[in-house]
Amino acid sequence: MNMKQNLYLEQIDGIPLFSERVKGQKFCRTRSQLDIMQVNITNRCNLSCKHCHVDAGPTCTEIMSRQTMKDCLQVFEENKFSVLDITGGSPEMNPDFQWLIEEASKKGIHTIVRSNLIILTEKGYTHLPELYAHHNVEVVASLPYYSEKDTDRQRGIGVFKACIDMLRKFNQLGYGKTPDLVLNLVYNPGGAFLPPKQDSLTLEYKRKLMEQYGITFNKLYTITNSPIGRFGKFLERSGNLKPYMNRLWSAFNPETLENMMCRNQLSVGWDGLLYDCDFNQARGWTAESKHQIQDLKGKSVAARKIVFGDHCYACTAGSGSSCGGTIA
């Protein structure tokens, strides 16, 4: 395990280590049957968002190879995973991204793509919405807020308008309207605070986006910012790290432990290394098994002890947080 990254999280006085808080409970291990395989196929991204926990950006060079993708698909089928969750960076920027979508579709795999939407407006990527619709890909799109000012402040000038135009295109293709074409949105707080209640914010998003732009979607996921990566550096630089960690720790909710996303998934890095979750991957903390995905071909993915860090307080604060929104 690489313990060199973000060690400041383990050095905040007065906040008990998360691993000690849950020590000895059944929630410290994954379930025996995992449902989700999340694959981070590149850290390259056309944006450099302030809340990004993987420090993704245009200069990143990490790219998953096609062979590693093949290994992921083989292990997926052998272990009867239910969902292939493709993420990044901007996953569309991996040269083999379209191949992965098409191969997963041939195998009847339910596939999620996490997109920032903006990449789909750029040359070489504009055909992808139709590709997603053809293969019934579930789209999870980042939209920090339903107002231009707040979205552009977090992700860059002009981002909101481009997102609205792309969401309209997805609606025209049937996304958010027909059962097989699912369009979900993601809200990340714009600062060092917890997200609002998911249910109430969903209603607000649906009303505002329909009234002002004629846009419809399925679900809104509210995701708590993890105090690592670019957001962690911002917290440390601005003197907000300790107050934010105190806020997360004070809002710890034991009812979230049962459904933490690390208990039900396997996270695969661009180089094939295995992790309990995308946040551990960002910190370089490999899963207890320390396997690469290729080592699991022809084998069962066994239940394992979860590697915890104090960033886990972000997943267990309030109503909890996961890549699928709140969990309690």
Protein backbone atom coordinates (compact mmCIF):
# COMPACT_ATOMS: atom_id res chain seq x y z
CA MET A 1 0.00 0.00 0.00
CA ASN A 2 1.32 3.45 -0.93
CA MET A 3 1.01 5.51 2.22
CA LYS A 4 2.84 8.58 0.86
CA GLN A 5 -0.19 10.29 -0.66
CA ASN A 6 -2.34 12.69 1.37
CA LEU A 7 -0.86 11.71 4.73
CA TYR A 8 -2.23 14.94 6.18
CA LEU A 9 -5.60 13.23 6.50
CA GLU A 10 -4.15 10.96 9.18
CA GLN A 11 -2.63 13.84 11.15
CA ILE A 12 -5.65 15.87 12.28
CA ASP A 13 -5.83 16.13 16.04
CA GLY A 14 -9.09 15.20 17.70
CA ILE A 15 -10.50 13.12 14.85
CA PRO A 16 -10.45 9.34 15.50
CA LEU A 17 -9.11 7.20 12.67
CA PHE A 18 -11.99 5.87 10.60
CA SER A 19 -10.47 2.38 10.70
CA GLU A 20 -10.64 2.45 14.51
CA ARG A 21 -14.22 3.70 14.52
CA VAL A 22 -15.45 0.67 12.55
CA LYS A 23 -12.91 -1.87 13.79
CA GLY A 24 -14.30 -5.37 14.33
CA GLN A 25 -17.64 -4.77 12.59
CA LYS A 26 -18.95 -6.89 9.72
CA PHE A 27 -18.83 -3.82 7.51
CA CYS A 28 -15.04 -4.06 7.43
CA ARG A 29 -15.28 -6.75 4.74
CA THR A 30 -16.77 -6.81 1.27
CA ARG A 31 -19.76 -8.95 0.46
CA SER A 32 -19.03 -12.39 -0.94
CA GLN A 33 -20.81 -11.57 -4.22
CA LEU A 34 -19.90 -8.20 -5.75
CA ASP A 35 -22.25 -6.46 -8.19
CA ILE A 36 -20.24 -3.56 -9.60
CA MET A 37 -16.92 -3.50 -11.42
CA GLN A 38 -15.79 0.11 -11.74
CA VAL A 39 -12.98 0.66 -14.23
CA ASN A 40 -10.99 3.89 -14.38
CA ILE A 41 -9.74 3.76 -17.95
CA THR A 42 -7.87 7.08 -18.02
CA ASN A 43 -7.00 10.10 -15.89
CA ARG A 44 -6.88 12.26 -19.01
CA CYS A 45 -9.67 14.83 -19.09
CA ASN A 46 -10.58 17.90 -21.10
CA LEU A 47 -11.44 19.70 -17.84
CA SER A 48 -9.64 20.34 -14.54
CA CYS A 49 -12.53 20.60 -12.08
CA LYS A 50 -11.87 22.02 -8.63
CA HIS A 51 -13.58 19.13 -6.82
CA CYS A 52 -11.73 16.36 -8.73
CA HIS A 53 -10.27 13.74 -6.39
CA VAL A 54 -8.13 12.05 -9.07
CA ASP A 55 -6.39 15.25 -10.27
CA ALA A 56 -7.62 14.54 -13.80
CA GLY A 57 -6.72 16.98 -16.57
CA PRO A 58 -5.55 17.46 -20.17
CA THR A 59 -1.91 16.66 -19.39
CA CYS A 60 -2.53 13.30 -17.70
CA THR A 61 -1.09 10.32 -19.53
CA GLU A 62 -2.62 7.31 -17.73
CA ILE A 63 -4.46 5.14 -20.29
CA MET A 64 -5.86 1.63 -19.77
CA SER A 65 -4.74 -0.78 -22.49
CA ARG A 66 -7.12 -2.87 -24.56
CA GLN A 67 -5.62 -6.02 -23.05
CA THR A 68 -6.46 -4.82 -19.54
CA MET A 69 -9.99 -4.08 -20.73
CA LYS A 70 -10.24 -7.64 -22.06
CA ASP A 71 -9.06 -8.95 -18.67
CA CYS A 72 -11.75 -6.85 -16.95
CA LEU A 73 -14.49 -8.24 -19.18
CA GLN A 74 -13.33 -11.82 -18.60
CA VAL A 75 -13.25 -11.44 -14.82
CA PHE A 76 -16.60 -9.61 -14.97
CA GLU A 77 -18.29 -12.56 -16.70
CA GLU A 78 -16.57 -15.27 -14.68
CA ASN A 79 -17.65 -13.68 -11.40
CA LYS A 80 -21.15 -12.68 -12.51
CA PHE A 81 -20.85 -8.96 -11.84
CA SER A 82 -24.01 -7.02 -12.73
CA VAL A 83 -22.78 -3.56 -13.72
CA LEU A 84 -19.73 -2.28 -15.59
CA ASP A 85 -19.13 1.30 -14.42
CA ILE A 86 -16.70 3.15 -16.72
CA THR A 87 -15.08 6.27 -15.34
CA GLY A 88 -12.01 8.53 -15.57
CA GLY A 89 -10.89 11.36 -16.01
CA SER A 90 -12.96 11.61 -19.09
CA PRO A 91 -13.28 7.95 -20.10
CA GLU A 92 -14.15 8.93 -23.69
CA MET A 93 -10.55 10.08 -24.15
CA ASN A 94 -9.19 6.53 -23.99
CA PRO A 95 -8.57 5.45 -27.63
CA ASP A 96 -10.16 2.04 -26.93
CA PHE A 97 -13.23 3.47 -25.20
CA GLN A 98 -15.61 2.75 -28.08
CA TRP A 99 -14.24 -0.79 -28.38
CA LEU A 100 -15.00 -1.38 -24.70
CA ILE A 101 -18.58 -0.11 -25.07
CA GLU A 102 -19.20 -2.34 -28.08
CA GLU A 103 -17.65 -5.45 -26.52
CA ALA A 104 -19.62 -5.00 -23.30
CA SER A 105 -22.80 -4.63 -25.34
CA LYS A 106 -22.10 -7.84 -27.27
CA LYS A 107 -21.85 -9.66 -23.94
CA GLY A 108 -25.14 -8.19 -22.70
CA ILE A 109 -23.42 -6.26 -19.90
CA HIS A 110 -25.27 -3.34 -18.31
CA THR A 111 -22.83 -0.47 -18.77
CA ILE A 112 -22.60 2.95 -17.11
CA VAL A 113 -20.47 5.76 -18.50
CA ARG A 114 -19.62 8.73 -16.29
CA SER A 115 -19.29 11.78 -18.53
CA ASN A 116 -18.63 15.47 -17.99
CA LEU A 117 -20.78 16.10 -21.12
CA ILE A 118 -18.37 18.77 -22.42
CA ILE A 119 -16.14 16.18 -24.06
CA LEU A 120 -19.10 15.14 -26.23
CA THR A 121 -19.14 18.58 -27.86
CA GLU A 122 -15.52 18.33 -29.01
CA LYS A 123 -14.21 17.12 -32.35
CA GLY A 124 -13.85 13.34 -32.48
CA TYR A 125 -16.43 12.70 -29.75
CA THR A 126 -19.69 14.18 -31.08
CA HIS A 127 -20.90 10.78 -32.36
CA LEU A 128 -20.81 9.18 -28.92
CA PRO A 129 -24.34 10.09 -27.70
CA GLU A 130 -25.76 8.07 -30.61
CA LEU A 131 -23.38 5.22 -29.78
CA TYR A 132 -24.59 5.26 -26.16
CA ALA A 133 -28.22 5.17 -27.28
CA HIS A 134 -27.57 2.32 -29.73
CA HIS A 135 -26.06 0.17 -26.96
CA ASN A 136 -28.46 1.29 -24.16
CA VAL A 137 -25.58 2.72 -22.15
CA GLU A 138 -26.64 4.36 -18.89
CA VAL A 139 -25.22 7.89 -18.77
CA VAL A 140 -24.22 9.52 -15.48
CA ALA A 141 -23.52 13.17 -16.25
CA SER A 142 -21.92 15.78 -14.03
CA LEU A 143 -23.95 18.97 -13.60
CA PRO A 144 -22.78 20.78 -10.45
CA TYR A 145 -25.86 23.00 -10.37
CA TYR A 146 -28.87 24.08 -12.42
CA SER A 147 -27.57 27.66 -12.73
CA GLU A 148 -24.91 28.95 -15.09
CA LYS A 149 -23.07 31.02 -12.49
CA ASP A 150 -22.54 28.19 -10.00
CA THR A 151 -21.65 25.57 -12.61
CA ASP A 152 -19.15 27.77 -14.46
CA ARG A 153 -17.51 28.81 -11.19
CA GLN A 154 -16.78 25.17 -10.39
CA ARG A 155 -15.93 23.82 -13.84
CA GLY A 156 -15.06 26.77 -16.11
CA ILE A 157 -16.63 29.51 -18.20
CA GLY A 158 -19.06 28.24 -20.83
CA VAL A 159 -19.45 24.78 -19.29
CA PHE A 160 -23.07 25.20 -18.23
CA LYS A 161 -24.37 26.22 -21.66
CA ALA A 162 -22.54 23.32 -23.31
CA CYS A 163 -23.97 20.91 -20.73
CA ILE A 164 -27.51 22.16 -21.35
CA ASP A 165 -27.10 21.75 -25.11
CA MET A 166 -25.83 18.18 -24.65
CA LEU A 167 -28.59 17.25 -22.20
CA ARG A 168 -31.12 18.43 -24.79
CA LYS A 169 -29.46 16.17 -27.34
CA PHE A 170 -29.70 13.20 -24.97
CA ASN A 171 -33.40 13.96 -24.47
CA GLN A 172 -33.89 14.05 -28.25
CA LEU A 173 -32.33 10.57 -28.43
CA GLY A 174 -34.84 9.35 -25.84
CA TYR A 175 -32.67 9.57 -22.73
CA GLY A 176 -34.64 10.37 -19.60
CA LYS A 177 -37.83 9.52 -21.47
CA THR A 178 -37.72 5.83 -22.44
CA PRO A 179 -37.05 3.01 -19.94
CA ASP A 180 -33.91 1.64 -21.68
CA LEU A 181 -32.14 5.01 -21.96
CA VAL A 182 -31.27 6.17 -18.45
CA LEU A 183 -29.84 9.64 -17.84
CA ASN A 184 -28.73 10.45 -14.30
CA LEU A 185 -27.10 13.67 -13.10
CA VAL A 186 -24.49 14.26 -10.39
CA TYR A 187 -24.28 17.16 -7.95
CA ASN A 188 -21.01 17.91 -6.16
CA PRO A 189 -20.89 20.75 -3.59
CA GLY A 190 -18.96 23.79 -4.74
CA GLY A 191 -17.09 24.16 -1.47
CA ALA A 192 -16.25 22.67 1.93
CA PHE A 193 -19.80 21.70 2.89
CA LEU A 194 -22.10 18.68 2.70
CA PRO A 195 -24.64 18.34 -0.12
CA PRO A 196 -28.32 19.05 0.53
CA LYS A 197 -30.80 16.21 0.91
CA GLN A 198 -30.85 14.23 -2.32
CA ASP A 199 -34.64 13.91 -2.59
CA SER A 200 -35.35 17.62 -2.16
CA LEU A 201 -32.52 18.69 -4.48
CA THR A 202 -33.73 16.22 -7.11
CA LEU A 203 -37.15 17.86 -7.15
CA GLU A 204 -35.52 21.29 -7.42
CA TYR A 205 -33.27 20.19 -10.31
CA LYS A 206 -36.19 18.57 -12.16
CA ARG A 207 -38.38 21.64 -11.80
CA LYS A 208 -35.71 24.18 -12.77
CA LEU A 209 -34.30 22.22 -15.71
CA MET A 210 -37.76 21.52 -17.12
CA GLU A 211 -39.12 25.03 -16.63
CA GLN A 212 -36.08 26.85 -17.98
CA TYR A 213 -34.62 24.43 -20.53
CA GLY A 214 -37.21 21.69 -21.20
CA ILE A 215 -34.81 19.03 -19.91
CA THR A 216 -35.83 15.80 -18.21
CA PHE A 217 -33.69 13.14 -16.51
CA ASN A 218 -34.09 10.07 -14.29
CA LYS A 219 -32.20 10.57 -11.02
CA LEU A 220 -29.92 13.07 -9.34
CA TYR A 221 -27.02 11.76 -7.28
CA THR A 222 -25.64 14.02 -4.55
CA ILE A 223 -22.02 13.11 -3.86
CA THR A 224 -19.96 14.47 -0.97
CA ASN A 225 -16.56 15.81 -2.01
CA SER A 226 -13.75 13.59 -0.76
CA PRO A 227 -10.91 15.51 0.98
CA ILE A 228 -8.24 14.14 -1.36
CA GLY A 229 -6.73 15.02 -4.73
CA ARG A 230 -7.32 18.52 -6.08
CA PHE A 231 -10.11 19.21 -3.58
CA GLY A 232 -7.93 18.04 -0.68
CA LYS A 233 -5.15 20.37 -1.79
CA PHE A 234 -7.61 23.24 -1.95
CA LEU A 235 -8.78 22.49 1.60
CA GLU A 236 -5.24 22.36 2.89
CA ARG A 237 -4.21 25.52 1.03
CA SER A 238 -7.23 27.51 2.23
CA GLY A 239 -7.02 26.36 5.85
CA ASN A 240 -10.31 24.47 5.56
CA LEU A 241 -9.03 20.92 5.88
CA LYS A 242 -9.50 20.52 9.63
CA PRO A 243 -12.91 22.26 9.73
CA TYR A 244 -14.11 20.14 6.81
CA MET A 245 -12.87 16.92 8.38
CA ASN A 246 -14.53 17.91 11.64
CA ARG A 247 -17.76 18.49 9.73
CA LEU A 248 -17.54 15.03 8.14
CA TRP A 249 -16.62 13.33 11.41
CA SER A 250 -19.40 15.09 13.35
CA ALA A 251 -21.94 13.99 10.73
CA PHE A 252 -20.83 10.33 10.82
CA ASN A 253 -23.89 8.10 10.44
CA PRO A 254 -23.48 4.41 11.37
CA GLU A 255 -26.55 3.54 9.31
CA THR A 256 -24.50 4.19 6.15
CA LEU A 257 -21.99 1.41 6.88
CA GLU A 258 -24.14 -1.43 5.58
CA ASN A 259 -24.30 0.08 2.08
CA MET A 260 -20.88 1.65 1.63
CA MET A 261 -19.98 1.24 -2.04
CA CYS A 262 -16.66 -0.43 -1.19
CA ARG A 263 -18.60 -3.43 0.16
CA ASN A 264 -20.21 -4.20 -3.18
CA GLN A 265 -17.66 -3.36 -5.85
CA LEU A 266 -14.21 -3.93 -7.27
CA SER A 267 -12.37 -0.86 -8.54
CA VAL A 268 -9.82 -1.37 -11.32
CA GLY A 269 -7.15 1.22 -12.08
CA TRP A 270 -5.91 2.13 -15.56
CA ASP A 271 -2.92 -0.20 -15.07
CA GLY A 272 -5.05 -3.13 -13.86
CA LEU A 273 -4.32 -2.73 -10.15
CA LEU A 274 -7.25 -3.48 -7.85
CA TYR A 275 -8.77 -1.18 -5.23
CA ASP A 276 -11.75 -1.12 -2.89
CA CYS A 277 -13.03 2.15 -4.36
CA ASP A 278 -12.17 5.04 -6.64
CA PHE A 279 -11.07 7.17 -3.68
CA ASN A 280 -8.56 4.58 -2.49
CA GLN A 281 -7.37 4.38 -6.07
CA ALA A 282 -6.75 8.13 -6.06
CA ARG A 283 -4.60 7.70 -2.96
CA GLY A 284 -2.70 4.70 -4.37
CA TRP A 285 -4.08 2.33 -1.72
CA THR A 286 -4.47 -1.06 -3.38
CA ALA A 287 -6.94 -3.68 -2.16
CA GLU A 288 -5.80 -6.10 0.50
CA SER A 289 -5.27 -8.84 -2.08
CA LYS A 290 -2.80 -6.61 -4.00
CA HIS A 291 -3.75 -8.44 -7.20
CA GLN A 292 -3.92 -7.08 -10.70
CA ILE A 293 -7.05 -7.83 -12.71
CA GLN A 294 -5.13 -10.32 -14.88
CA ASP A 295 -4.36 -12.40 -11.79
CA LEU A 296 -8.08 -13.01 -11.25
CA LYS A 297 -8.76 -14.60 -14.64
CA GLY A 298 -10.15 -18.06 -14.05
CA LYS A 299 -10.54 -17.37 -10.32
CA SER A 300 -13.28 -16.27 -7.96
CA VAL A 301 -13.21 -12.78 -6.52
CA ALA A 302 -13.20 -13.60 -2.82
CA ALA A 303 -14.52 -11.45 0.01
CA ARG A 304 -11.74 -9.30 1.41
CA LYS A 305 -10.97 -6.89 4.22
CA ILE A 306 -11.57 -3.28 3.16
CA VAL A 307 -8.73 -0.75 3.34
CA PHE A 308 -10.09 2.30 5.16
CA GLY A 309 -8.75 5.85 5.48
CA ASP A 310 -10.11 9.03 7.01
CA HIS A 311 -11.48 10.08 3.61
CA CYS A 312 -14.11 7.38 4.30
CA TYR A 313 -15.81 9.88 6.60
CA ALA A 314 -17.03 11.59 3.40
CA CYS A 315 -18.91 8.43 2.41
CA THR A 316 -20.52 7.99 5.83
CA ALA A 317 -21.52 11.58 6.69
CA GLY A 318 -25.20 12.45 6.89
CA SER A 319 -27.17 10.35 4.42
CA GLY A 320 -23.94 8.87 3.13
CA SER A 321 -22.36 9.15 -0.29
CA SER A 322 -21.46 6.79 -3.11
CA CYS A 323 -21.09 6.85 -6.88
CA GLY A 324 -24.82 6.12 -6.87
CA GLY A 325 -25.71 8.97 -4.52
CA THR A 326 -26.90 8.72 -0.94
CA ILE A 327 -26.94 5.34 0.80
CA ALA A 328 -28.97 5.81 4.01
